[in-house]
Full PDB file with SEQRES, HELIX, SHEET, SSBOND, CRYST1, ORIGX, SCALE, CONECT and MASTER records, all heavy atoms in Angstrom:
SEQRES   1 A   34  GLY THR LYS ASP LEU GLY VAL ILE ASN GLY ARG VAL LEU          
SEQRES   2 A   34  SER ALA TRP ALA VAL ALA GLY ILE VAL GLY PRO THR ILE          
SEQRES   3 A   34  TYR ASP VAL ILE LYS LYS SER SER                              
HELIX    1 AA1 LEU A    5  VAL A   12  1                                   8    
HELIX    2 AA2 SER A   14  SER A   33  1                                  20    
CRYST1    1.000    1.000    1.000  90.00  90.00  90.00 P 1           1          
ORIGX1      1.000000  0.000000  0.000000        0.00000                         
ORIGX2      0.000000  1.000000  0.000000        0.00000                         
ORIGX3      0.000000  0.000000  1.000000        0.00000                         
SCALE1      1.000000  0.000000  0.000000        0.00000                         
SCALE2      0.000000  1.000000  0.000000        0.00000                         
SCALE3      0.000000  0.000000  1.000000        0.00000                         
ATOM      1  N   GLY A   1      63.468 101.872  90.903  1.00  0.00           N  
ATOM      2  CA  GLY A   1      62.702 103.019  90.506  1.00  0.00           C  
ATOM      3  C   GLY A   1      63.322 104.310  91.085  1.00  0.00           C  
ATOM      4  O   GLY A   1      64.362 104.376  91.715  1.00  0.00           O  
ATOM      5  N   THR A   2      62.602 105.438  90.728  1.00  0.00           N  
ATOM      6  CA  THR A   2      63.198 106.756  91.198  1.00  0.00           C  
ATOM      7  C   THR A   2      62.594 107.374  92.497  1.00  0.00           C  
ATOM      8  O   THR A   2      62.917 108.479  92.821  1.00  0.00           O  
ATOM      9  CB  THR A   2      62.954 107.812  90.036  1.00  0.00           C  
ATOM     10  OG1 THR A   2      61.546 107.874  89.817  1.00  0.00           O  
ATOM     11  CG2 THR A   2      63.675 107.329  88.774  1.00  0.00           C  
ATOM     12  N   LYS A   3      61.632 106.558  93.074  1.00  0.00           N  
ATOM     13  CA  LYS A   3      60.968 107.035  94.218  1.00  0.00           C  
ATOM     14  C   LYS A   3      61.981 107.402  95.282  1.00  0.00           C  
ATOM     15  O   LYS A   3      61.816 108.595  95.965  1.00  0.00           O  
ATOM     16  CB  LYS A   3      60.084 105.940  94.812  1.00  0.00           C  
ATOM     17  CG  LYS A   3      59.210 106.279  96.010  1.00  0.00           C  
ATOM     18  CD  LYS A   3      58.312 105.222  96.383  1.00  0.00           C  
ATOM     19  CE  LYS A   3      57.433 105.645  97.701  1.00  0.00           C  
ATOM     20  NZ  LYS A   3      56.528 104.525  98.041  1.00  0.00           N  
ATOM     21  N   ASP A   4      62.924 106.644  95.703  1.00  0.00           N  
ATOM     22  CA  ASP A   4      63.869 106.965  96.646  1.00  0.00           C  
ATOM     23  C   ASP A   4      65.307 106.712  96.173  1.00  0.00           C  
ATOM     24  O   ASP A   4      66.226 106.139  96.901  1.00  0.00           O  
ATOM     25  CB  ASP A   4      63.704 106.017  97.879  1.00  0.00           C  
ATOM     26  CG  ASP A   4      63.050 106.812  99.045  1.00  0.00           C  
ATOM     27  OD1 ASP A   4      62.813 107.978  98.947  1.00  0.00           O  
ATOM     28  OD2 ASP A   4      62.578 106.155 100.039  1.00  0.00           O  
ATOM     29  N   LEU A   5      65.493 107.058  94.893  1.00  0.00           N  
ATOM     30  CA  LEU A   5      66.752 106.724  94.164  1.00  0.00           C  
ATOM     31  C   LEU A   5      68.005 107.170  94.848  1.00  0.00           C  
ATOM     32  O   LEU A   5      68.976 106.540  95.103  1.00  0.00           O  
ATOM     33  CB  LEU A   5      66.741 107.139  92.676  1.00  0.00           C  
ATOM     34  CG  LEU A   5      67.923 106.657  91.881  1.00  0.00           C  
ATOM     35  CD1 LEU A   5      67.421 106.522  90.453  1.00  0.00           C  
ATOM     36  CD2 LEU A   5      69.089 107.575  91.813  1.00  0.00           C  
ATOM     37  N   GLY A   6      68.074 108.504  95.341  1.00  0.00           N  
ATOM     38  CA  GLY A   6      69.111 109.045  95.976  1.00  0.00           C  
ATOM     39  C   GLY A   6      69.581 108.335  97.285  1.00  0.00           C  
ATOM     40  O   GLY A   6      70.743 108.079  97.452  1.00  0.00           O  
ATOM     41  N   VAL A   7      68.496 108.053  97.968  1.00  0.00           N  
ATOM     42  CA  VAL A   7      68.764 107.336  99.287  1.00  0.00           C  
ATOM     43  C   VAL A   7      69.258 105.889  99.113  1.00  0.00           C  
ATOM     44  O   VAL A   7      70.330 105.578  99.680  1.00  0.00           O  
ATOM     45  CB  VAL A   7      67.325 107.302 100.020  1.00  0.00           C  
ATOM     46  CG1 VAL A   7      67.720 106.631 101.424  1.00  0.00           C  
ATOM     47  CG2 VAL A   7      66.733 108.661 100.307  1.00  0.00           C  
ATOM     48  N   ILE A   8      68.668 105.203  98.109  1.00  0.00           N  
ATOM     49  CA  ILE A   8      69.134 103.787  97.867  1.00  0.00           C  
ATOM     50  C   ILE A   8      70.535 103.854  97.341  1.00  0.00           C  
ATOM     51  O   ILE A   8      71.391 103.111  97.811  1.00  0.00           O  
ATOM     52  CB  ILE A   8      68.114 103.080  96.962  1.00  0.00           C  
ATOM     53  CG1 ILE A   8      66.704 103.066  97.563  1.00  0.00           C  
ATOM     54  CG2 ILE A   8      68.661 101.599  96.538  1.00  0.00           C  
ATOM     55  CD1 ILE A   8      65.725 102.504  96.560  1.00  0.00           C  
ATOM     56  N   ASN A   9      70.777 104.764  96.349  1.00  0.00           N  
ATOM     57  CA  ASN A   9      72.150 104.813  95.728  1.00  0.00           C  
ATOM     58  C   ASN A   9      73.074 105.207  96.973  1.00  0.00           C  
ATOM     59  O   ASN A   9      74.189 104.516  96.936  1.00  0.00           O  
ATOM     60  CB  ASN A   9      72.105 105.962  94.745  1.00  0.00           C  
ATOM     61  CG  ASN A   9      73.461 106.129  94.047  1.00  0.00           C  
ATOM     62  OD1 ASN A   9      73.897 105.189  93.284  1.00  0.00           O  
ATOM     63  ND2 ASN A   9      74.186 107.146  94.272  1.00  0.00           N  
ATOM     64  N   GLY A  10      72.754 106.076  97.786  1.00  0.00           N  
ATOM     65  CA  GLY A  10      73.603 106.399  98.881  1.00  0.00           C  
ATOM     66  C   GLY A  10      73.986 105.254  99.849  1.00  0.00           C  
ATOM     67  O   GLY A  10      75.072 105.024 100.227  1.00  0.00           O  
ATOM     68  N   ARG A  11      72.936 104.447 100.063  1.00  0.00           N  
ATOM     69  CA  ARG A  11      73.081 103.279 100.992  1.00  0.00           C  
ATOM     70  C   ARG A  11      74.024 102.163 100.269  1.00  0.00           C  
ATOM     71  O   ARG A  11      74.777 101.474 100.980  1.00  0.00           O  
ATOM     72  CB  ARG A  11      71.778 102.701 101.356  1.00  0.00           C  
ATOM     73  CG  ARG A  11      71.134 103.604 102.408  1.00  0.00           C  
ATOM     74  CD  ARG A  11      69.780 103.174 102.869  1.00  0.00           C  
ATOM     75  NE  ARG A  11      69.278 104.069 103.826  1.00  0.00           N  
ATOM     76  CZ  ARG A  11      68.042 104.125 104.380  1.00  0.00           C  
ATOM     77  NH1 ARG A  11      67.234 103.216 103.935  1.00  0.00           N  
ATOM     78  NH2 ARG A  11      67.740 105.005 105.285  1.00  0.00           N  
ATOM     79  N   VAL A  12      73.895 101.935  98.978  1.00  0.00           N  
ATOM     80  CA  VAL A  12      74.690 101.102  98.288  1.00  0.00           C  
ATOM     81  C   VAL A  12      76.225 101.530  98.347  1.00  0.00           C  
ATOM     82  O   VAL A  12      77.113 100.807  98.436  1.00  0.00           O  
ATOM     83  CB  VAL A  12      74.283 100.830  96.790  1.00  0.00           C  
ATOM     84  CG1 VAL A  12      75.414  99.950  96.144  1.00  0.00           C  
ATOM     85  CG2 VAL A  12      72.971 100.252  96.733  1.00  0.00           C  
ATOM     86  N   LEU A  13      76.350 102.877  98.278  1.00  0.00           N  
ATOM     87  CA  LEU A  13      77.761 103.572  98.389  1.00  0.00           C  
ATOM     88  C   LEU A  13      78.298 103.375  99.740  1.00  0.00           C  
ATOM     89  O   LEU A  13      79.483 103.701  99.923  1.00  0.00           O  
ATOM     90  CB  LEU A  13      77.534 105.047  97.975  1.00  0.00           C  
ATOM     91  CG  LEU A  13      77.501 105.211  96.503  1.00  0.00           C  
ATOM     92  CD1 LEU A  13      77.366 106.766  96.204  1.00  0.00           C  
ATOM     93  CD2 LEU A  13      78.675 104.698  95.713  1.00  0.00           C  
ATOM     94  N   SER A  14      77.649 102.872 100.686  1.00  0.00           N  
ATOM     95  CA  SER A  14      78.244 102.504 101.986  1.00  0.00           C  
ATOM     96  C   SER A  14      79.355 101.536 101.676  1.00  0.00           C  
ATOM     97  O   SER A  14      80.333 101.418 102.501  1.00  0.00           O  
ATOM     98  CB  SER A  14      77.206 101.919 103.059  1.00  0.00           C  
ATOM     99  OG  SER A  14      76.680 100.764 102.461  1.00  0.00           O  
ATOM    100  N   ALA A  15      79.220 100.778 100.629  1.00  0.00           N  
ATOM    101  CA  ALA A  15      80.148  99.832 100.200  1.00  0.00           C  
ATOM    102  C   ALA A  15      81.626 100.579  99.993  1.00  0.00           C  
ATOM    103  O   ALA A  15      82.721 100.059 100.176  1.00  0.00           O  
ATOM    104  CB  ALA A  15      79.848  99.159  98.940  1.00  0.00           C  
ATOM    105  N   TRP A  16      81.454 101.855  99.445  1.00  0.00           N  
ATOM    106  CA  TRP A  16      82.587 102.683  99.154  1.00  0.00           C  
ATOM    107  C   TRP A  16      83.354 102.959 100.517  1.00  0.00           C  
ATOM    108  O   TRP A  16      84.555 102.965 100.568  1.00  0.00           O  
ATOM    109  CB  TRP A  16      82.152 103.966  98.496  1.00  0.00           C  
ATOM    110  CG  TRP A  16      83.133 104.764  97.816  1.00  0.00           C  
ATOM    111  CD1 TRP A  16      84.509 104.544  97.782  1.00  0.00           C  
ATOM    112  CD2 TRP A  16      82.928 105.836  96.956  1.00  0.00           C  
ATOM    113  NE1 TRP A  16      85.177 105.492  97.019  1.00  0.00           N  
ATOM    114  CE2 TRP A  16      84.126 106.348  96.516  1.00  0.00           C  
ATOM    115  CE3 TRP A  16      81.744 106.638  96.557  1.00  0.00           C  
ATOM    116  CZ2 TRP A  16      84.369 107.465  95.751  1.00  0.00           C  
ATOM    117  CZ3 TRP A  16      81.987 107.760  95.840  1.00  0.00           C  
ATOM    118  CH2 TRP A  16      83.210 108.106  95.316  1.00  0.00           C  
ATOM    119  N   ALA A  17      82.540 103.267 101.575  1.00  0.00           N  
ATOM    120  CA  ALA A  17      83.169 103.614 102.841  1.00  0.00           C  
ATOM    121  C   ALA A  17      83.965 102.440 103.371  1.00  0.00           C  
ATOM    122  O   ALA A  17      85.071 102.624 103.766  1.00  0.00           O  
ATOM    123  CB  ALA A  17      81.980 103.954 103.791  1.00  0.00           C  
ATOM    124  N   VAL A  18      83.389 101.184 103.315  1.00  0.00           N  
ATOM    125  CA  VAL A  18      84.140 100.013 103.739  1.00  0.00           C  
ATOM    126  C   VAL A  18      85.264  99.727 102.827  1.00  0.00           C  
ATOM    127  O   VAL A  18      86.391  99.428 103.298  1.00  0.00           O  
ATOM    128  CB  VAL A  18      83.125  98.905 103.862  1.00  0.00           C  
ATOM    129  CG1 VAL A  18      83.871  97.539 104.439  1.00  0.00           C  
ATOM    130  CG2 VAL A  18      81.908  99.227 104.744  1.00  0.00           C  
ATOM    131  N   ALA A  19      85.034  99.791 101.472  1.00  0.00           N  
ATOM    132  CA  ALA A  19      86.084  99.407 100.592  1.00  0.00           C  
ATOM    133  C   ALA A  19      87.249 100.332 100.695  1.00  0.00           C  
ATOM    134  O   ALA A  19      88.406 100.005 100.501  1.00  0.00           O  
ATOM    135  CB  ALA A  19      85.531  99.286  99.191  1.00  0.00           C  
ATOM    136  N   GLY A  20      86.982 101.638 100.987  1.00  0.00           N  
ATOM    137  CA  GLY A  20      88.089 102.578 100.970  1.00  0.00           C  
ATOM    138  C   GLY A  20      89.062 102.406 102.095  1.00  0.00           C  
ATOM    139  O   GLY A  20      90.164 102.739 102.046  1.00  0.00           O  
ATOM    140  N   ILE A  21      88.589 101.650 103.215  1.00  0.00           N  
ATOM    141  CA  ILE A  21      89.454 101.274 104.236  1.00  0.00           C  
ATOM    142  C   ILE A  21      90.066  99.912 103.943  1.00  0.00           C  
ATOM    143  O   ILE A  21      91.218  99.779 104.104  1.00  0.00           O  
ATOM    144  CB  ILE A  21      88.658 101.250 105.579  1.00  0.00           C  
ATOM    145  CG1 ILE A  21      88.045 102.592 106.025  1.00  0.00           C  
ATOM    146  CG2 ILE A  21      89.511 100.700 106.680  1.00  0.00           C  
ATOM    147  CD1 ILE A  21      89.168 103.544 106.376  1.00  0.00           C  
ATOM    148  N   VAL A  22      89.233  98.893 103.553  1.00  0.00           N  
ATOM    149  CA  VAL A  22      89.613  97.567 103.490  1.00  0.00           C  
ATOM    150  C   VAL A  22      90.567  97.375 102.308  1.00  0.00           C  
ATOM    151  O   VAL A  22      91.666  96.771 102.437  1.00  0.00           O  
ATOM    152  CB  VAL A  22      88.372  96.590 103.236  1.00  0.00           C  
ATOM    153  CG1 VAL A  22      88.825  95.200 102.943  1.00  0.00           C  
ATOM    154  CG2 VAL A  22      87.499  96.655 104.525  1.00  0.00           C  
ATOM    155  N   GLY A  23      90.277  97.926 101.129  1.00  0.00           N  
ATOM    156  CA  GLY A  23      91.060  97.749  99.915  1.00  0.00           C  
ATOM    157  C   GLY A  23      92.521  98.112 100.101  1.00  0.00           C  
ATOM    158  O   GLY A  23      93.395  97.317  99.934  1.00  0.00           O  
ATOM    159  N   PRO A  24      92.792  99.453 100.277  1.00  0.00           N  
ATOM    160  CA  PRO A  24      94.189  99.876 100.534  1.00  0.00           C  
ATOM    161  C   PRO A  24      94.914  99.214 101.731  1.00  0.00           C  
ATOM    162  O   PRO A  24      96.045  99.013 101.653  1.00  0.00           O  
ATOM    163  CB  PRO A  24      93.948 101.413 100.815  1.00  0.00           C  
ATOM    164  CG  PRO A  24      92.764 101.786 100.169  1.00  0.00           C  
ATOM    165  CD  PRO A  24      91.777 100.528 100.300  1.00  0.00           C  
ATOM    166  N   THR A  25      94.118  98.845 102.708  1.00  0.00           N  
ATOM    167  CA  THR A  25      94.733  98.198 103.917  1.00  0.00           C  
ATOM    168  C   THR A  25      95.260  96.854 103.493  1.00  0.00           C  
ATOM    169  O   THR A  25      96.326  96.422 103.851  1.00  0.00           O  
ATOM    170  CB  THR A  25      93.721  98.135 105.078  1.00  0.00           C  
ATOM    171  OG1 THR A  25      93.350  99.477 105.520  1.00  0.00           O  
ATOM    172  CG2 THR A  25      94.409  97.371 106.313  1.00  0.00           C  
ATOM    173  N   ILE A  26      94.398  96.064 102.724  1.00  0.00           N  
ATOM    174  CA  ILE A  26      94.780  94.742 102.219  1.00  0.00           C  
ATOM    175  C   ILE A  26      96.026  94.847 101.382  1.00  0.00           C  
ATOM    176  O   ILE A  26      97.011  94.149 101.568  1.00  0.00           O  
ATOM    177  CB  ILE A  26      93.642  94.074 101.434  1.00  0.00           C  
ATOM    178  CG1 ILE A  26      92.461  93.648 102.283  1.00  0.00           C  
ATOM    179  CG2 ILE A  26      94.198  92.874 100.692  1.00  0.00           C  
ATOM    180  CD1 ILE A  26      91.246  93.146 101.544  1.00  0.00           C  
ATOM    181  N   TYR A  27      96.013  95.938 100.524  1.00  0.00           N  
ATOM    182  CA  TYR A  27      97.169  96.116  99.791  1.00  0.00           C  
ATOM    183  C   TYR A  27      98.342  96.365 100.467  1.00  0.00           C  
ATOM    184  O   TYR A  27      99.485  95.791 100.274  1.00  0.00           O  
ATOM    185  CB  TYR A  27      96.920  97.316  98.692  1.00  0.00           C  
ATOM    186  CG  TYR A  27      98.018  97.532  97.770  1.00  0.00           C  
ATOM    187  CD1 TYR A  27      97.941  97.156  96.398  1.00  0.00           C  
ATOM    188  CD2 TYR A  27      99.109  98.310  98.103  1.00  0.00           C  
ATOM    189  CE1 TYR A  27      99.005  97.361  95.524  1.00  0.00           C  
ATOM    190  CE2 TYR A  27     100.174  98.582  97.232  1.00  0.00           C  
ATOM    191  CZ  TYR A  27     100.083  98.048  95.945  1.00  0.00           C  
ATOM    192  OH  TYR A  27     101.113  98.336  95.012  1.00  0.00           O  
ATOM    193  N   ASP A  28      98.339  97.311 101.416  1.00  0.00           N  
ATOM    194  CA  ASP A  28      99.519  97.573 102.243  1.00  0.00           C  
ATOM    195  C   ASP A  28     100.003  96.497 103.044  1.00  0.00           C  
ATOM    196  O   ASP A  28     101.174  96.176 103.094  1.00  0.00           O  
ATOM    197  CB  ASP A  28      99.185  98.830 103.211  1.00  0.00           C  
ATOM    198  CG  ASP A  28      99.070 100.165 102.365  1.00  0.00           C  
ATOM    199  OD1 ASP A  28      99.518 100.208 101.292  1.00  0.00           O  
ATOM    200  OD2 ASP A  28      98.393 101.068 102.907  1.00  0.00           O  
ATOM    201  N   VAL A  29      99.093  95.747 103.719  1.00  0.00           N  
ATOM    202  CA  VAL A  29      99.486  94.686 104.707  1.00  0.00           C  
ATOM    203  C   VAL A  29     100.148  93.562 103.864  1.00  0.00           C  
ATOM    204  O   VAL A  29     101.255  92.944 104.231  1.00  0.00           O  
ATOM    205  CB  VAL A  29      98.205  94.227 105.439  1.00  0.00           C  
ATOM    206  CG1 VAL A  29      98.540  92.913 106.152  1.00  0.00           C  
ATOM    207  CG2 VAL A  29      97.779  95.201 106.426  1.00  0.00           C  
ATOM    208  N   ILE A  30      99.533  93.060 102.861  1.00  0.00           N  
ATOM    209  CA  ILE A  30     100.066  91.968 101.982  1.00  0.00           C  
ATOM    210  C   ILE A  30     101.390  92.368 101.277  1.00  0.00           C  
ATOM    211  O   ILE A  30     102.345  91.562 101.263  1.00  0.00           O  
ATOM    212  CB  ILE A  30      99.042  91.402 100.913  1.00  0.00           C  
ATOM    213  CG1 ILE A  30      97.812  90.944 101.661  1.00  0.00           C  
ATOM    214  CG2 ILE A  30      99.579  90.323 100.087  1.00  0.00           C  
ATOM    215  CD1 ILE A  30      96.711  90.475 100.767  1.00  0.00           C  
ATOM    216  N   LYS A  31     101.434  93.613 100.708  1.00  0.00           N  
ATOM    217  CA  LYS A  31     102.590  94.046 100.108  1.00  0.00           C  
ATOM    218  C   LYS A  31     103.719  94.132 101.027  1.00  0.00           C  
ATOM    219  O   LYS A  31     104.933  93.777 100.747  1.00  0.00           O  
ATOM    220  CB  LYS A  31     102.319  95.367  99.480  1.00  0.00           C  
ATOM    221  CG  LYS A  31     103.497  96.041  98.676  1.00  0.00           C  
ATOM    222  CD  LYS A  31     103.733  95.277  97.410  1.00  0.00           C  
ATOM    223  CE  LYS A  31     104.670  95.996  96.459  1.00  0.00           C  
ATOM    224  NZ  LYS A  31     105.960  96.433  97.021  1.00  0.00           N  
ATOM    225  N   LYS A  32     103.459  94.687 102.219  1.00  0.00           N  
ATOM    226  CA  LYS A  32     104.567  94.733 103.264  1.00  0.00           C  
ATOM    227  C   LYS A  32     105.033  93.417 103.768  1.00  0.00           C  
ATOM    228  O   LYS A  32     106.211  93.227 103.969  1.00  0.00           O  
ATOM    229  CB  LYS A  32     104.047  95.594 104.484  1.00  0.00           C  
ATOM    230  CG  LYS A  32     105.105  95.958 105.477  1.00  0.00           C  
ATOM    231  CD  LYS A  32     104.690  96.970 106.536  1.00  0.00           C  
ATOM    232  CE  LYS A  32     105.725  97.351 107.386  1.00  0.00           C  
ATOM    233  NZ  LYS A  32     105.272  98.324 108.494  1.00  0.00           N  
ATOM    234  N   SER A  33     104.036  92.482 103.988  1.00  0.00           N  
ATOM    235  CA  SER A  33     104.460  91.171 104.629  1.00  0.00           C  
ATOM    236  C   SER A  33     105.122  90.203 103.637  1.00  0.00           C  
ATOM    237  O   SER A  33     106.054  89.527 103.911  1.00  0.00           O  
ATOM    238  CB  SER A  33     103.268  90.573 105.180  1.00  0.00           C  
ATOM    239  OG  SER A  33     102.314  90.275 104.171  1.00  0.00           O  
ATOM    240  N   SER A  34     104.604  90.312 102.375  1.00  0.00           N  
ATOM    241  CA  SER A  34     105.060  89.466 101.371  1.00  0.00           C  
ATOM    242  C   SER A  34     106.194  90.059 100.456  1.00  0.00           C  
ATOM    243  O   SER A  34     107.123  89.441  99.831  1.00  0.00           O  
ATOM    244  CB  SER A  34     103.951  88.990 100.387  1.00  0.00           C  
ATOM    245  OG  SER A  34     103.497  90.106  99.551  1.00  0.00           O  
TER     246      SER A  34                                                      
MASTER        0    0    0    2    0    0    0    6  245    1    0    3          
END                                                                             
């Protein structure tokens, strides 16, 4: 619903914070090692 939509959407976007570090790091580490 829309009661707390901005807040909930923002909290799901914490996935972006983690993914922004994890994704490129996985790419760089595996690409460099392999």
